[in-house]
N, C-alpha and C. Protein backbone atom coordinates (compact mmCIF):
# COMPACT_ATOMS: atom_id res chain seq x y z
N MET A 1 -23.17 10.21 178.51
CA MET A 1 -22.04 11.10 178.12
C MET A 1 -21.93 11.73 179.95
N THR A 2 -20.36 11.73 180.05
CA THR A 2 -19.93 12.09 181.56
C THR A 2 -19.63 12.92 181.48
N ILE A 3 -19.67 13.93 182.87
CA ILE A 3 -18.63 14.98 182.79
C ILE A 3 -17.67 15.12 181.90
N PHE A 4 -16.94 14.15 182.54
CA PHE A 4 -15.29 14.37 181.58
C PHE A 4 -15.50 14.59 180.09
N GLU A 5 -16.27 13.78 179.18
CA GLU A 5 -16.63 14.03 178.22
C GLU A 5 -17.00 14.66 177.60
N ARG A 6 -17.97 15.59 178.02
CA ARG A 6 -18.42 16.70 177.87
C ARG A 6 -17.24 17.89 178.17
N VAL A 7 -16.68 17.50 178.91
CA VAL A 7 -15.76 18.52 179.43
C VAL A 7 -14.54 18.56 177.76
N LYS A 8 -14.18 17.32 178.04
CA LYS A 8 -13.60 16.62 176.77
C LYS A 8 -14.00 17.80 175.38
N GLU A 9 -14.98 17.42 174.87
CA GLU A 9 -15.73 17.93 173.82
C GLU A 9 -15.10 19.08 173.86
N LEU A 10 -16.22 19.57 174.96
CA LEU A 10 -15.82 21.02 174.98
C LEU A 10 -14.78 21.91 174.60
N SER A 11 -13.78 21.43 175.04
CA SER A 11 -12.19 21.78 174.81
C SER A 11 -11.72 21.39 173.48
N GLU A 12 -12.04 20.40 173.13
CA GLU A 12 -11.63 20.14 171.28
C GLU A 12 -12.68 21.46 170.68
N LYS A 13 -14.07 21.33 171.14
CA LYS A 13 -14.32 22.44 170.24
C LYS A 13 -14.01 23.93 170.05
N GLN A 14 -12.80 23.77 171.43
CA GLN A 14 -12.58 25.42 171.36
C GLN A 14 -10.71 25.27 170.83
N GLY A 15 -10.24 23.94 170.53
CA GLY A 15 -8.93 23.87 170.34
C GLY A 15 -8.20 23.93 171.07
N LYS A 16 -8.07 23.32 172.40
CA LYS A 16 -7.52 23.59 173.31
C LYS A 16 -7.68 22.42 174.17
N SER A 17 -5.92 22.01 174.47
CA SER A 17 -6.44 20.52 175.14
C SER A 17 -6.81 20.42 176.41
N LEU A 18 -7.13 19.37 177.29
CA LEU A 18 -7.42 19.62 178.17
C LEU A 18 -6.70 19.94 179.81
N GLN A 19 -5.08 19.83 179.35
CA GLN A 19 -4.52 20.38 180.61
C GLN A 19 -4.34 22.09 180.33
N ARG A 20 -4.50 22.58 179.12
CA ARG A 20 -4.52 24.07 178.92
C ARG A 20 -5.83 24.92 179.87
N VAL A 21 -6.97 23.98 179.64
CA VAL A 21 -7.92 24.33 180.27
C VAL A 21 -8.03 24.09 181.41
N SER A 22 -7.54 22.99 182.10
CA SER A 22 -6.89 23.19 183.43
C SER A 22 -6.62 24.51 183.76
N GLU A 23 -5.29 24.46 183.09
CA GLU A 23 -4.60 25.87 183.90
C GLU A 23 -5.26 27.17 183.52
N GLU A 24 -5.62 27.55 182.79
CA GLU A 24 -6.23 28.39 182.63
C GLU A 24 -7.67 29.04 183.80
N LEU A 25 -8.25 27.45 183.84
CA LEU A 25 -9.07 27.44 185.25
C LEU A 25 -8.37 27.74 186.56
N GLY A 26 -6.61 27.53 186.64
CA GLY A 26 -6.09 27.40 187.33
C GLY A 26 -6.29 25.88 188.76
N PHE A 27 -6.97 24.66 187.69
CA PHE A 27 -6.42 23.85 188.48
C PHE A 27 -5.36 22.95 188.25
N SER A 28 -5.30 21.29 188.75
CA SER A 28 -3.84 20.78 188.64
C SER A 28 -3.64 20.20 187.40
N SER A 29 -2.87 20.45 186.72
CA SER A 29 -2.37 19.83 184.98
C SER A 29 -3.57 18.44 184.95
N ASN A 30 -3.62 17.35 185.43
CA ASN A 30 -4.53 16.33 185.38
C ASN A 30 -5.96 16.15 186.23
N TYR A 31 -6.46 17.52 186.30
CA TYR A 31 -7.68 17.67 187.42
C TYR A 31 -8.88 16.90 186.40
N PHE A 32 -9.60 17.23 184.86
CA PHE A 32 -10.22 16.54 184.55
C PHE A 32 -9.90 15.14 184.07
N TYR A 33 -8.88 14.17 184.17
CA TYR A 33 -8.14 13.07 183.84
C TYR A 33 -9.14 12.51 185.43
N ARG A 34 -8.98 13.37 186.32
CA ARG A 34 -9.54 12.68 187.77
C ARG A 34 -11.09 12.74 187.89
N MET A 35 -11.61 13.64 187.24
CA MET A 35 -13.45 13.53 187.00
C MET A 35 -13.67 12.24 186.49
N LYS A 36 -12.85 11.54 186.24
CA LYS A 36 -12.88 10.22 185.12
C LYS A 36 -13.67 9.41 186.46
N LYS A 37 -13.15 9.24 187.96
CA LYS A 37 -13.29 9.03 188.89
C LYS A 37 -13.96 9.27 190.11
N GLN A 38 -14.11 10.64 190.49
CA GLN A 38 -14.31 11.58 191.14
C GLN A 38 -15.38 12.54 190.77
N GLN A 39 -16.50 12.86 191.44
CA GLN A 39 -17.67 14.12 190.66
C GLN A 39 -17.11 15.06 191.14
N PRO A 40 -16.57 16.42 190.43
CA PRO A 40 -15.98 18.22 191.02
C PRO A 40 -17.03 18.32 191.99
N THR A 41 -16.53 19.03 192.64
CA THR A 41 -17.44 20.15 193.58
C THR A 41 -18.24 21.09 192.71
N ALA A 42 -19.99 21.02 193.47
CA ALA A 42 -20.14 22.42 192.88
C ALA A 42 -19.70 23.61 192.20
N GLU A 43 -18.52 24.55 193.14
CA GLU A 43 -18.26 25.09 192.64
C GLU A 43 -16.96 25.44 191.67
N LYS A 44 -16.46 24.12 191.49
CA LYS A 44 -15.42 23.65 190.30
C LYS A 44 -16.54 23.52 189.12
N LEU A 45 -17.64 22.71 189.20
CA LEU A 45 -18.61 22.44 188.22
C LEU A 45 -19.21 23.96 187.47
N LYS A 46 -19.29 25.15 188.67
CA LYS A 46 -19.91 26.33 187.99
C LYS A 46 -18.64 27.00 186.97
N LEU A 47 -17.81 26.96 187.33
CA LEU A 47 -15.73 27.46 186.75
C LEU A 47 -15.97 26.99 185.59
N ILE A 48 -16.37 25.81 185.47
CA ILE A 48 -16.17 25.31 184.40
C ILE A 48 -17.43 25.41 183.35
N ALA A 49 -18.38 25.65 183.70
CA ALA A 49 -19.75 25.84 182.69
C ALA A 49 -19.31 27.39 182.13
N ASP A 50 -19.12 27.99 183.24
CA ASP A 50 -18.64 29.66 183.38
C ASP A 50 -17.79 29.91 181.59
N TYR A 51 -16.67 29.20 181.67
CA TYR A 51 -15.60 29.23 181.14
C TYR A 51 -15.95 28.59 179.86
N PHE A 52 -16.72 27.68 179.71
CA PHE A 52 -17.24 26.76 178.21
C PHE A 52 -18.40 27.72 177.72
N ASN A 53 -18.97 28.74 179.05
CA ASN A 53 -20.46 28.87 178.54
C ASN A 53 -21.42 28.18 178.42
N VAL A 54 -21.43 27.39 179.20
CA VAL A 54 -22.70 26.63 179.13
C VAL A 54 -23.51 25.75 180.27
N SER A 55 -24.36 25.54 180.37
CA SER A 55 -25.16 25.45 182.06
C SER A 55 -24.54 24.05 182.88
N VAL A 56 -24.56 24.76 183.94
CA VAL A 56 -24.17 23.21 185.09
C VAL A 56 -24.79 21.77 184.44
N ASP A 57 -26.15 22.65 184.35
CA ASP A 57 -26.57 20.85 183.83
C ASP A 57 -26.52 20.53 182.61
N TYR A 58 -26.23 21.15 181.78
CA TYR A 58 -25.73 20.46 180.31
C TYR A 58 -24.48 19.10 181.12
N LEU A 59 -23.77 20.22 181.97
CA LEU A 59 -22.29 19.31 182.12
C LEU A 59 -22.61 17.80 182.73
N LEU A 60 -23.94 18.11 183.95
CA LEU A 60 -24.02 17.04 184.60
C LEU A 60 -25.19 16.24 183.93
N GLY A 61 -25.46 16.23 182.23
CA GLY A 61 -26.23 15.61 181.42
C GLY A 61 -27.61 15.70 181.23
N ARG A 62 -27.83 16.73 181.79
CA ARG A 62 -29.21 17.18 182.34
C ARG A 62 -30.29 18.26 181.35
N ALA A 63 -29.08 18.80 180.26
CA ALA A 63 -29.86 19.54 179.24
C ALA A 63 -28.94 19.74 178.00
N GLU A 64 -29.47 19.88 177.25
CA GLU A 64 -28.96 20.21 175.54
C GLU A 64 -27.74 20.98 175.58
N ALA A 65 -26.58 20.82 174.79
CA ALA A 65 -25.56 21.80 174.62
C ALA A 65 -26.14 23.51 173.91
N LYS A 66 -26.65 23.80 174.98
CA LYS A 66 -26.57 25.25 174.39
C LYS A 66 -25.97 26.71 175.04
N PRO A 67 -25.24 27.42 174.33
CA PRO A 67 -24.57 28.44 174.70
C PRO A 67 -25.42 29.16 175.85
N ILE A 68 -24.87 29.69 177.08
CA ILE A 68 -25.76 30.71 177.69
C ILE A 68 -26.05 32.04 176.71
N ASN A 69 -25.13 32.48 176.58
CA ASN A 69 -24.73 33.67 176.06
C ASN A 69 -24.12 33.30 174.97
N GLU A 70 -24.19 33.38 173.64
CA GLU A 70 -23.20 32.95 172.35
C GLU A 70 -22.88 34.33 172.03
N PRO A 71 -21.16 34.00 171.91
CA PRO A 71 -20.57 34.87 171.67
C PRO A 71 -20.71 35.82 170.01
N ILE A 72 -20.86 36.90 169.98
CA ILE A 72 -21.09 36.96 168.73
C ILE A 72 -19.83 38.76 168.45
N ASP A 73 -19.14 37.76 166.98
CA ASP A 73 -18.12 38.97 166.89
C ASP A 73 -18.47 40.09 165.70
N LEU A 74 -18.55 41.55 166.87
CA LEU A 74 -18.89 42.29 165.49
C LEU A 74 -18.00 43.35 164.97
N THR A 75 -17.00 42.82 164.83
CA THR A 75 -16.80 43.02 163.28
C THR A 75 -17.12 42.25 162.04
N GLU A 76 -17.08 40.67 162.14
CA GLU A 76 -18.56 40.43 161.33
C GLU A 76 -19.67 40.97 161.10
N VAL A 77 -20.18 41.12 162.33
CA VAL A 77 -21.71 41.94 161.91
C VAL A 77 -21.26 43.59 161.33
N ALA A 78 -20.69 44.24 161.70
CA ALA A 78 -20.19 45.63 161.03
C ALA A 78 -20.16 45.34 159.74
N ASN A 79 -19.39 44.33 159.02
CA ASN A 79 -18.92 44.23 157.88
C ASN A 79 -19.84 43.74 157.14
N SER A 80 -21.02 43.20 157.73
CA SER A 80 -22.44 42.69 157.26
C SER A 80 -23.54 43.25 156.31
N ASP A 81 -23.77 43.56 155.84
CA ASP A 81 -24.90 44.29 154.93
C ASP A 81 -26.25 43.80 154.75
N ASP A 82 -25.96 42.87 155.65
CA ASP A 82 -27.33 41.76 155.74
C ASP A 82 -28.15 42.11 157.07
N ASP A 83 -29.67 42.50 156.95
CA ASP A 83 -30.37 43.17 158.02
C ASP A 83 -30.57 42.90 158.93
N ALA A 84 -30.72 41.28 158.30
CA ALA A 84 -31.23 40.19 159.36
C ALA A 84 -30.18 40.15 160.28
N VAL A 85 -29.27 39.92 159.92
CA VAL A 85 -28.22 40.30 160.91
C VAL A 85 -28.07 40.71 162.05
N TRP A 86 -28.51 42.09 161.13
CA TRP A 86 -28.12 43.07 162.46
C TRP A 86 -29.78 43.11 163.69
N SER A 87 -30.43 42.47 162.83
CA SER A 87 -32.07 42.78 163.58
C SER A 87 -31.59 41.85 164.42
N ARG A 88 -31.20 40.04 164.29
CA ARG A 88 -30.80 39.28 165.18
C ARG A 88 -30.41 39.06 166.12
N LEU A 89 -29.43 40.00 165.82
CA LEU A 89 -28.07 40.24 167.05
C LEU A 89 -28.08 40.98 168.07
N LEU A 90 -28.67 42.53 166.98
CA LEU A 90 -28.15 43.87 167.93
C LEU A 90 -29.71 44.00 168.30
N SER A 91 -29.64 45.36 169.05
CA SER A 91 -30.60 46.09 169.21
C SER A 91 -30.36 47.44 170.06
N SER A 92 -31.10 47.63 170.25
CA SER A 92 -30.86 49.39 171.35
C SER A 92 -32.11 49.68 171.90
N GLY A 93 -31.75 49.53 173.05
CA GLY A 93 -32.63 49.36 174.20
C GLY A 93 -34.12 48.80 174.01
N GLY A 94 -33.97 47.12 173.38
CA GLY A 94 -35.39 46.26 173.22
C GLY A 94 -35.21 46.89 171.53
N ARG A 95 -35.33 47.59 170.89
CA ARG A 95 -35.79 48.67 169.72
C ARG A 95 -34.45 47.72 168.30
N PRO A 96 -35.23 47.81 166.73
CA PRO A 96 -34.14 47.65 166.20
C PRO A 96 -33.69 48.96 165.92
N LEU A 97 -32.10 48.85 165.72
CA LEU A 97 -31.54 50.04 165.41
C LEU A 97 -31.78 50.76 164.26
N THR A 98 -31.35 51.58 164.44
CA THR A 98 -31.31 52.91 163.24
C THR A 98 -30.19 52.81 162.22
N GLU A 99 -30.67 53.33 161.21
CA GLU A 99 -29.51 53.54 160.37
C GLU A 99 -28.16 54.32 160.90
N LYS A 100 -28.40 55.29 161.32
CA LYS A 100 -27.19 56.12 161.96
C LYS A 100 -26.23 55.13 162.95
N ASP A 101 -27.24 54.02 164.13
CA ASP A 101 -26.42 53.31 164.95
C ASP A 101 -25.89 52.44 164.39
N LYS A 102 -26.47 51.77 162.79
CA LYS A 102 -25.66 50.68 162.33
C LYS A 102 -24.27 51.32 162.21
N MET A 103 -24.38 52.50 161.05
CA MET A 103 -23.18 53.25 160.74
C MET A 103 -21.95 53.51 162.32
N ALA A 104 -22.61 53.93 163.22
CA ALA A 104 -22.08 54.20 164.32
C ALA A 104 -20.98 53.00 164.65
N ILE A 105 -21.52 51.99 164.41
CA ILE A 105 -21.25 50.66 165.12
C ILE A 105 -20.07 49.94 164.25
N LYS A 106 -20.42 49.99 162.57
CA LYS A 106 -19.64 49.56 161.76
C LYS A 106 -18.69 50.69 161.96
N LEU A 107 -18.59 51.86 162.39
CA LEU A 107 -17.83 52.87 162.28
C LEU A 107 -16.84 52.20 163.40
N LEU A 108 -17.34 51.66 164.25
CA LEU A 108 -16.50 51.13 165.20
C LEU A 108 -15.49 50.03 165.25
N PHE A 109 -16.19 49.25 164.41
CA PHE A 109 -15.28 47.73 164.42
C PHE A 109 -14.81 47.54 162.48
N SER A 110 -14.78 48.01 161.71
CA SER A 110 -14.78 48.47 160.48
C SER A 110 -13.18 48.56 160.42
N ASP A 111 -12.60 48.35 159.25
CA ASP A 111 -11.81 48.63 159.06
C ASP A 111 -11.66 49.84 157.48
N LYS A 112 -13.02 50.20 157.31
CA LYS A 112 -12.87 50.87 156.08
C LYS A 112 -13.39 52.51 156.43
N TRP A 113 -12.74 52.84 157.41
CA TRP A 113 -12.76 54.25 157.96
C TRP A 113 -13.60 55.24 157.50
N ASP A 114 -12.59 55.65 156.69
CA ASP A 114 -12.94 56.81 155.71
C ASP A 114 -14.23 56.13 154.87
N GLU A 115 -14.49 55.53 154.23
CA GLU A 115 -15.55 55.50 153.39
C GLU A 115 -17.43 55.40 154.64
N ILE A 116 -16.70 54.78 155.71
CA ILE A 116 -18.10 54.26 157.03
C ILE A 116 -18.57 55.90 157.10
N THR A 117 -17.22 56.92 157.29
CA THR A 117 -16.98 58.63 157.71
C THR A 117 -18.48 59.52 156.74
N GLN A 118 -17.61 58.97 155.51
CA GLN A 118 -18.74 59.83 154.11
C GLN A 118 -20.50 59.10 154.19
N LYS A 119 -20.40 57.94 154.55
CA LYS A 119 -21.89 56.68 155.07
C LYS A 119 -22.39 57.78 155.77
N ALA A 120 -21.91 57.87 156.94
CA ALA A 120 -22.47 58.79 157.96
C ALA A 120 -22.82 60.11 157.86
N LYS A 121 -21.47 61.00 157.20
CA LYS A 121 -21.96 62.39 156.87
C LYS A 121 -23.28 62.25 155.99
N ASP A 122 -23.08 61.38 154.82
CA ASP A 122 -24.50 61.31 153.56
C ASP A 122 -25.75 61.15 154.91
N LEU A 123 -25.50 59.93 155.92
CA LEU A 123 -27.03 59.96 156.31
C LEU A 123 -27.49 60.76 157.26
N ASP A 124 -26.43 62.04 158.29
CA ASP A 124 -26.95 62.95 158.59
C ASP A 124 -27.55 64.25 157.31
N ASN A 125 -27.00 64.38 156.37
CA ASN A 125 -27.40 64.99 155.38
C ASN A 125 -28.83 64.90 154.98
N LYS A 126 -29.22 63.57 155.08
CA LYS A 126 -30.53 63.35 154.85
C LYS A 126 -31.47 63.20 155.93
N ASP A 127 -31.28 63.77 157.09
CA ASP A 127 -32.22 64.09 158.45
C ASP A 127 -32.21 65.60 158.39
C-alpha cells in the first residue's frame, strides 16, 4: 500500500475528503494526489501523521495501523458503570481511580447533574 492509499484510507475512516484534509493541513487542494508520483517531505509526513494520530512509520508502510494516542470519549466513559472501562482508560497518578474521583469525572461530563451531585454527597457521608 502506498502513502497515498494509506492517507486516503485514513481520511475515509474520518469521513473526510482528501481535499478537506489537505485544506485543514494547509496544503494545496490536490496535494495528496501529487503524492502518487512524488514522495512528501519529512516535515509534511510528520504533519500528516500527527493529523491522523498515526506514526510516520505507518504512513511509510513500516508499521501496523495503531493510533499513537487513541482518543477517549470522556462523556461515554462518564456515563459507563462498567469498572473495566474506567480501569482500562483512566487512572490518577498511575493508580486506579477512587469512587470519589469517578464521581467527580461523571459530574463534569454527564448530563445527570442532580443525580450525580446526590451520589457525591452520599459518598462523602460514607467517609
